[in-house]
Protein backbone atom coordinates (compact mmCIF):
# COMPACT_ATOMS: atom_id res chain seq x y z
CA UNK A 1 -34.49 -26.14 0.92
CA UNK A 2 -37.78 -27.82 -0.01
CA UNK A 3 -41.03 -26.33 1.40
CA UNK A 4 -41.60 -29.11 3.95
CA UNK A 5 -38.06 -28.78 5.31
CA UNK A 6 -38.41 -25.00 5.43
CA UNK A 7 -41.65 -25.32 7.39
CA UNK A 8 -39.97 -27.71 9.83
CA UNK A 9 -37.16 -25.22 10.39
CA UNK A 10 -39.66 -22.46 11.12
CA UNK A 11 -41.16 -24.57 13.91
CA UNK A 12 -37.86 -25.75 15.38
CA UNK A 13 -37.49 -24.57 19.02
CA UNK A 14 -34.84 -21.96 19.76
CA UNK A 15 -33.35 -24.27 22.38
CA UNK A 16 -32.18 -27.92 22.17
CA UNK A 17 -34.28 -30.90 23.28
CA UNK A 18 -33.81 -31.61 26.98
CA UNK A 19 -34.88 -33.71 29.93
CA UNK A 20 -35.21 -32.26 33.44
CA UNK A 21 -35.20 -34.26 36.66
CA UNK A 22 -34.35 -33.74 40.32
CA UNK A 23 -34.54 -30.81 42.71
CA UNK A 24 -32.26 -27.99 43.75
CA UNK A 25 -29.98 -25.57 41.89
CA UNK A 26 -29.74 -26.29 38.15
CA UNK A 27 -26.99 -28.40 36.62
CA UNK A 28 -26.66 -28.52 32.82
CA UNK A 29 -25.20 -31.74 31.35
CA UNK A 30 -23.52 -31.64 27.91
CA UNK A 31 -22.64 -34.96 26.24
CA UNK A 32 -19.81 -35.77 23.85
CA UNK A 33 -19.80 -36.40 20.10
CA UNK A 34 -22.04 -39.38 19.18
CA UNK A 35 -23.71 -39.08 22.60
CA UNK A 36 -27.06 -37.79 23.82
CA UNK A 37 -28.84 -36.89 27.04
CA UNK A 38 -28.88 -40.66 27.72
CA UNK A 39 -25.11 -40.47 28.23
CA UNK A 40 -25.72 -39.46 31.85
CA UNK A 41 -28.36 -42.00 32.88
CA UNK A 42 -26.03 -43.83 35.28
CA UNK A 43 -25.08 -40.59 37.03
CA UNK A 44 -28.61 -39.31 37.60
CA UNK A 45 -29.40 -41.20 40.84
CA UNK A 46 -26.44 -39.49 42.52
CA UNK A 47 -27.17 -36.04 41.08
CA UNK A 48 -30.93 -35.63 41.29
CA UNK A 49 -31.10 -35.41 45.12
CA UNK A 50 -28.70 -32.45 44.90
CA UNK A 51 -29.58 -30.71 41.66
CA UNK A 52 -32.27 -30.05 39.12
CA UNK A 53 -30.49 -31.85 36.29
CA UNK A 54 -30.98 -30.60 32.73
CA UNK A 55 -29.55 -32.99 30.12
CA UNK A 56 -29.68 -31.77 26.52
CA UNK A 57 -29.26 -33.31 23.08
CA UNK A 58 -26.71 -31.16 21.26
CA UNK A 59 -27.17 -30.34 17.54
CA UNK A 60 -27.42 -33.45 15.37
CA UNK A 61 -27.61 -35.81 18.35
CA UNK A 62 -30.32 -37.70 20.21
CA UNK A 63 -33.78 -36.24 19.66
CA UNK A 64 -32.42 -33.22 17.79
CA UNK A 65 -33.48 -33.90 14.20
CA UNK A 66 -30.63 -32.95 11.83
CA UNK A 67 -31.60 -30.03 9.57
CA UNK A 68 -30.31 -29.42 6.06
CA UNK A 69 -28.87 -26.00 6.94
CA UNK A 70 -25.12 -26.46 7.73
CA UNK A 71 -25.03 -23.21 9.72
CA UNK A 72 -27.24 -24.91 12.31
CA UNK A 73 -24.23 -26.81 13.68
CA UNK A 74 -21.99 -23.89 14.60
CA UNK A 75 -20.65 -23.38 18.11
CA UNK A 76 -22.11 -19.88 18.24
CA UNK A 77 -25.62 -21.12 17.44
CA UNK A 78 -25.24 -23.95 19.94
CA UNK A 79 -24.28 -21.54 22.74
CA UNK A 80 -27.18 -19.26 21.82
CA UNK A 81 -29.52 -22.26 22.03
CA UNK A 82 -28.28 -23.16 25.51
CA UNK A 83 -28.73 -19.59 26.73
CA UNK A 84 -32.24 -19.63 25.26
CA UNK A 85 -32.92 -22.85 27.17
CA UNK A 86 -31.74 -21.33 30.46
CA UNK A 87 -34.01 -18.34 29.78
CA UNK A 88 -36.89 -20.67 28.94
CA UNK A 89 -36.43 -22.52 32.25
CA UNK A 90 -35.98 -19.31 34.22
CA UNK A 91 -32.37 -19.90 35.33
CA UNK A 92 -30.15 -16.84 35.55
CA UNK A 93 -27.16 -18.97 36.62
CA UNK A 94 -26.46 -22.66 36.11
CA UNK A 95 -23.63 -25.07 36.94
CA UNK A 96 -22.39 -26.97 33.86
CA UNK A 97 -20.80 -30.38 33.34
CA UNK A 98 -19.46 -31.17 29.87
CA UNK A 99 -17.70 -34.21 28.43
CA UNK A 100 -15.33 -33.97 25.44
CA UNK A 101 -17.28 -32.09 22.74
CA UNK A 102 -19.72 -31.08 25.47
CA UNK A 103 -16.79 -29.74 27.47
CA UNK A 104 -15.77 -27.59 24.50
CA UNK A 105 -19.35 -26.30 24.32
CA UNK A 106 -19.29 -25.63 28.09
CA UNK A 107 -16.12 -23.59 27.78
CA UNK A 108 -17.58 -21.53 24.92
CA UNK A 109 -20.73 -20.96 26.99
CA UNK A 110 -18.66 -19.81 29.97
CA UNK A 111 -16.52 -17.47 27.85
CA UNK A 112 -19.56 -16.03 26.04
CA UNK A 113 -21.66 -15.58 29.19
CA UNK A 114 -19.54 -15.97 32.35
CA UNK A 115 -22.26 -14.46 34.53
CA UNK A 116 -24.59 -17.35 33.57
CA UNK A 117 -22.22 -20.14 34.70
CA UNK A 118 -21.77 -20.73 38.41
CA UNK A 119 -19.41 -23.69 38.50
CA UNK A 120 -17.88 -25.66 35.63
CA UNK A 121 -16.87 -29.34 35.44
CA UNK A 122 -14.89 -30.36 32.36
CA UNK A 123 -14.26 -34.02 31.54
CA UNK A 124 -11.63 -34.75 28.87
CA UNK A 125 -12.14 -31.36 27.25
CA UNK A 126 -10.01 -28.91 25.30
CA UNK A 127 -10.26 -25.16 24.68
CA UNK A 128 -9.33 -25.73 21.05
CA UNK A 129 -6.41 -25.97 18.63
CA UNK A 130 -4.10 -22.95 18.78
CA UNK A 131 -2.16 -23.39 15.54
CA UNK A 132 -4.12 -22.17 12.49
CA UNK A 133 -2.55 -24.69 10.13
CA UNK A 134 -3.32 -27.55 12.52
CA UNK A 135 -6.90 -26.30 12.83
CA UNK A 136 -7.29 -26.22 9.06
CA UNK A 137 -5.89 -29.74 8.72
CA UNK A 138 -8.30 -31.00 11.40
CA UNK A 139 -11.24 -29.30 9.68
CA UNK A 140 -10.32 -30.95 6.37
CA UNK A 141 -10.04 -34.35 8.08
CA UNK A 142 -13.43 -33.87 9.76
CA UNK A 143 -15.01 -32.88 6.44
CA UNK A 144 -13.59 -36.01 4.82
CA UNK A 145 -14.89 -38.17 7.65
CA UNK A 146 -18.33 -36.53 7.42
CA UNK A 147 -18.49 -37.37 3.72
CA UNK A 148 -17.49 -40.95 4.45
CA UNK A 149 -20.19 -41.27 7.12
CA UNK A 150 -22.77 -40.24 4.54
CA UNK A 151 -21.30 -42.67 2.04
CA UNK A 152 -20.68 -45.72 4.28
CA UNK A 153 -23.57 -45.33 6.70
CA UNK A 154 -24.25 -45.19 10.42
CA UNK A 155 -23.22 -48.70 11.46
CA UNK A 156 -19.88 -48.43 9.69
CA UNK A 157 -19.18 -45.13 11.44
CA UNK A 158 -20.17 -46.31 14.92
CA UNK A 159 -17.78 -49.27 14.66
CA UNK A 160 -15.03 -47.09 13.16
CA UNK A 161 -15.39 -44.48 15.93
CA UNK A 162 -15.18 -47.12 18.66
CA UNK A 163 -11.95 -48.44 17.12
CA UNK A 164 -10.03 -45.16 17.48
CA UNK A 165 -6.96 -45.27 19.78
CA UNK A 166 -8.59 -42.52 21.89
CA UNK A 167 -11.09 -45.12 23.11
CA UNK A 168 -8.77 -48.13 23.45
CA UNK A 169 -9.15 -48.13 27.23
CA UNK A 170 -12.88 -48.82 26.81
CA UNK A 171 -11.98 -52.42 26.01
CA UNK A 172 -11.70 -52.99 29.77
CA UNK A 173 -15.26 -51.81 30.43
CA UNK A 174 -17.88 -54.49 31.14
CA UNK A 175 -19.40 -55.99 28.01
CA UNK A 176 -22.84 -54.66 28.98
CA UNK A 177 -21.46 -51.12 29.22
CA UNK A 178 -19.81 -51.35 25.81
CA UNK A 179 -22.94 -52.82 24.25
CA UNK A 180 -25.13 -50.07 25.71
CA UNK A 181 -22.72 -47.40 24.43
CA UNK A 182 -22.82 -48.86 20.91
CA UNK A 183 -26.61 -49.04 21.00
CA UNK A 184 -26.87 -45.39 22.05
CA UNK A 185 -24.57 -44.34 19.22
CA UNK A 186 -26.65 -46.32 16.73
CA UNK A 187 -29.74 -44.38 17.79
CA UNK A 188 -28.12 -41.30 16.26
CA UNK A 189 -28.08 -40.51 12.56
CA UNK A 190 -25.42 -40.35 9.86
CA UNK A 191 -26.69 -36.91 8.83
CA UNK A 192 -26.54 -35.58 12.38
CA UNK A 193 -23.02 -36.85 13.07
CA UNK A 194 -21.78 -35.57 9.71
CA UNK A 195 -23.33 -32.14 10.31
CA UNK A 196 -21.81 -31.95 13.78
CA UNK A 197 -18.35 -32.77 12.45
CA UNK A 198 -18.61 -30.12 9.74
CA UNK A 199 -19.95 -27.40 12.01
CA UNK A 200 -18.66 -28.14 15.52
CA UNK A 201 -15.55 -30.26 15.02
CA UNK A 202 -12.35 -29.16 16.74
CA UNK A 203 -11.08 -27.73 13.46
CA UNK A 204 -14.06 -25.37 13.19
CA UNK A 205 -13.83 -24.16 16.79
CA UNK A 206 -11.83 -21.04 17.50
CA UNK A 207 -9.12 -21.44 20.12
CA UNK A 208 -10.02 -20.18 23.60
CA UNK A 209 -6.55 -20.53 25.13
CA UNK A 210 -5.92 -16.76 25.18
CA UNK A 211 -9.30 -16.15 26.85
CA UNK A 212 -8.98 -18.68 29.68
CA UNK A 213 -7.09 -16.45 32.19
CA UNK A 214 -10.09 -14.12 32.32
CA UNK A 215 -12.46 -16.99 33.20
CA UNK A 216 -12.82 -16.45 36.96
CA UNK A 217 -15.32 -19.14 37.94
CA UNK A 218 -14.65 -22.34 39.90
CA UNK A 219 -13.63 -25.11 37.50
CA UNK A 220 -12.91 -28.80 38.06
CA UNK A 221 -11.04 -30.54 35.23
CA UNK A 222 -11.37 -34.34 35.24
CA UNK A 223 -8.87 -36.38 33.21
CA UNK A 224 -8.35 -40.11 32.82
CA UNK A 225 -4.79 -41.10 33.75
CA UNK A 226 -4.39 -43.18 30.59
CA UNK A 227 -5.52 -40.35 28.31
CA UNK A 228 -2.12 -38.68 28.15
CA UNK A 229 -3.07 -36.00 25.64
CA UNK A 230 -5.98 -34.73 27.71
CA UNK A 231 -4.09 -35.05 30.99
CA UNK A 232 -1.57 -32.60 29.53
CA UNK A 233 -4.29 -30.30 28.18
CA UNK A 234 -6.07 -30.40 31.54
CA UNK A 235 -2.89 -29.57 33.44
CA UNK A 236 -2.24 -26.59 31.20
CA UNK A 237 -5.82 -25.37 31.58
CA UNK A 238 -5.62 -25.73 35.37
CA UNK A 239 -2.43 -23.65 35.38
CA UNK A 240 -4.03 -21.02 33.14
CA UNK A 241 -7.38 -20.42 34.86
CA UNK A 242 -7.20 -18.82 38.31
CA UNK A 243 -9.95 -20.90 40.01
CA UNK A 244 -9.37 -24.22 38.24
CA UNK A 245 -7.91 -27.49 39.45
CA UNK A 246 -7.40 -30.88 37.88
CA UNK A 247 -8.35 -34.34 39.14
CA UNK A 248 -6.67 -37.30 37.44
CA UNK A 249 -8.53 -40.61 37.74
CA UNK A 250 -6.47 -43.84 37.65
CA UNK A 251 -7.65 -46.73 35.50
CA UNK A 252 -9.48 -44.49 33.04
CA UNK A 253 -8.95 -43.11 29.57
CA UNK A 254 -11.02 -40.51 27.72
CA UNK A 255 -14.49 -41.60 28.93
CA UNK A 256 -13.92 -41.38 32.68
CA UNK A 257 -17.64 -41.39 33.49
CA UNK A 258 -18.04 -44.82 31.84
CA UNK A 259 -14.65 -46.39 32.60
CA UNK A 260 -14.52 -45.43 36.29
CA UNK A 261 -18.12 -44.39 37.06
CA UNK A 262 -17.86 -44.56 40.86
CA UNK A 263 -14.72 -42.41 40.99
CA UNK A 264 -16.24 -39.95 38.52
CA UNK A 265 -19.48 -39.77 40.49
CA UNK A 266 -17.60 -39.19 43.74
CA UNK A 267 -15.60 -36.33 42.23
CA UNK A 268 -18.65 -34.63 40.74
CA UNK A 269 -20.89 -34.99 43.81
CA UNK A 270 -18.24 -33.80 46.26
CA UNK A 271 -17.38 -30.85 44.06
CA UNK A 272 -21.02 -29.82 43.73
CA UNK A 273 -21.61 -30.27 47.46
CA UNK A 274 -18.57 -28.51 48.84
CA UNK A 275 -16.35 -27.31 46.03
CA UNK A 276 -13.72 -29.76 47.24
CA UNK A 277 -12.51 -33.02 45.74
CA UNK A 278 -11.07 -36.16 47.22
CA UNK A 279 -9.44 -37.44 44.06
CA UNK A 280 -6.68 -40.03 43.92
CA UNK A 281 -4.47 -37.45 42.21
CA UNK A 282 -5.27 -33.74 42.22
CA UNK A 283 -3.16 -30.99 40.72
CA UNK A 284 -3.73 -27.35 41.60
């Protein structure tokens, strides 16, 4: 590491960059891969009257400048950074909402420090890949994609990522929504996305499936009806965790909060207000 980079690392905060708005009990928002704290802008007007909303930029995303040190992007360091942020803000307990990669982070936070998480909302999230060989294959694929991002550049990657079958249902979103999503992704960096893939991709994450039954906090799992893989994962999680239930949103795929924002907002607000949901399809 060159001296200037080393000096920058010495002055890097222990916690991630964040924005804080609203009043009331704290709610931590964790975005997905290629996202940022801006991911939640459309949801803030509904949340800020109820909660003090803390939206972070996870490692390598948003305002978090990507460091050279690959160990910076590990799940363990990310969880430690979030706990440091809660300490910094003076919150002993915080509700957490996480989407996709952010949902994986939220689950790791809850498993590592269950006393610090009051209520958990998981959107299109997974507790990890159980099979070791499948995990290794995913890690190798993520490493190869990270190298290609560095080789081909940010714009190539943003367009490639949007073309994945996982996001096919986004084609039905309004043009303005799709354009804003692309613009947000382009405000990231190739180095940050590559580092995140290498350090926090699903292949690098240990499986939490065996630890879920011990997670005794209220959990709402939100799945898009058209995202069959994550509907199945969500159903299994809901059956595994004693205080969890699943809400399946029609007309949505992986990014429920963008594809069906009003339904997503209604689910989140009602759950935070009362712990109950009025979803079109709820599984216990």
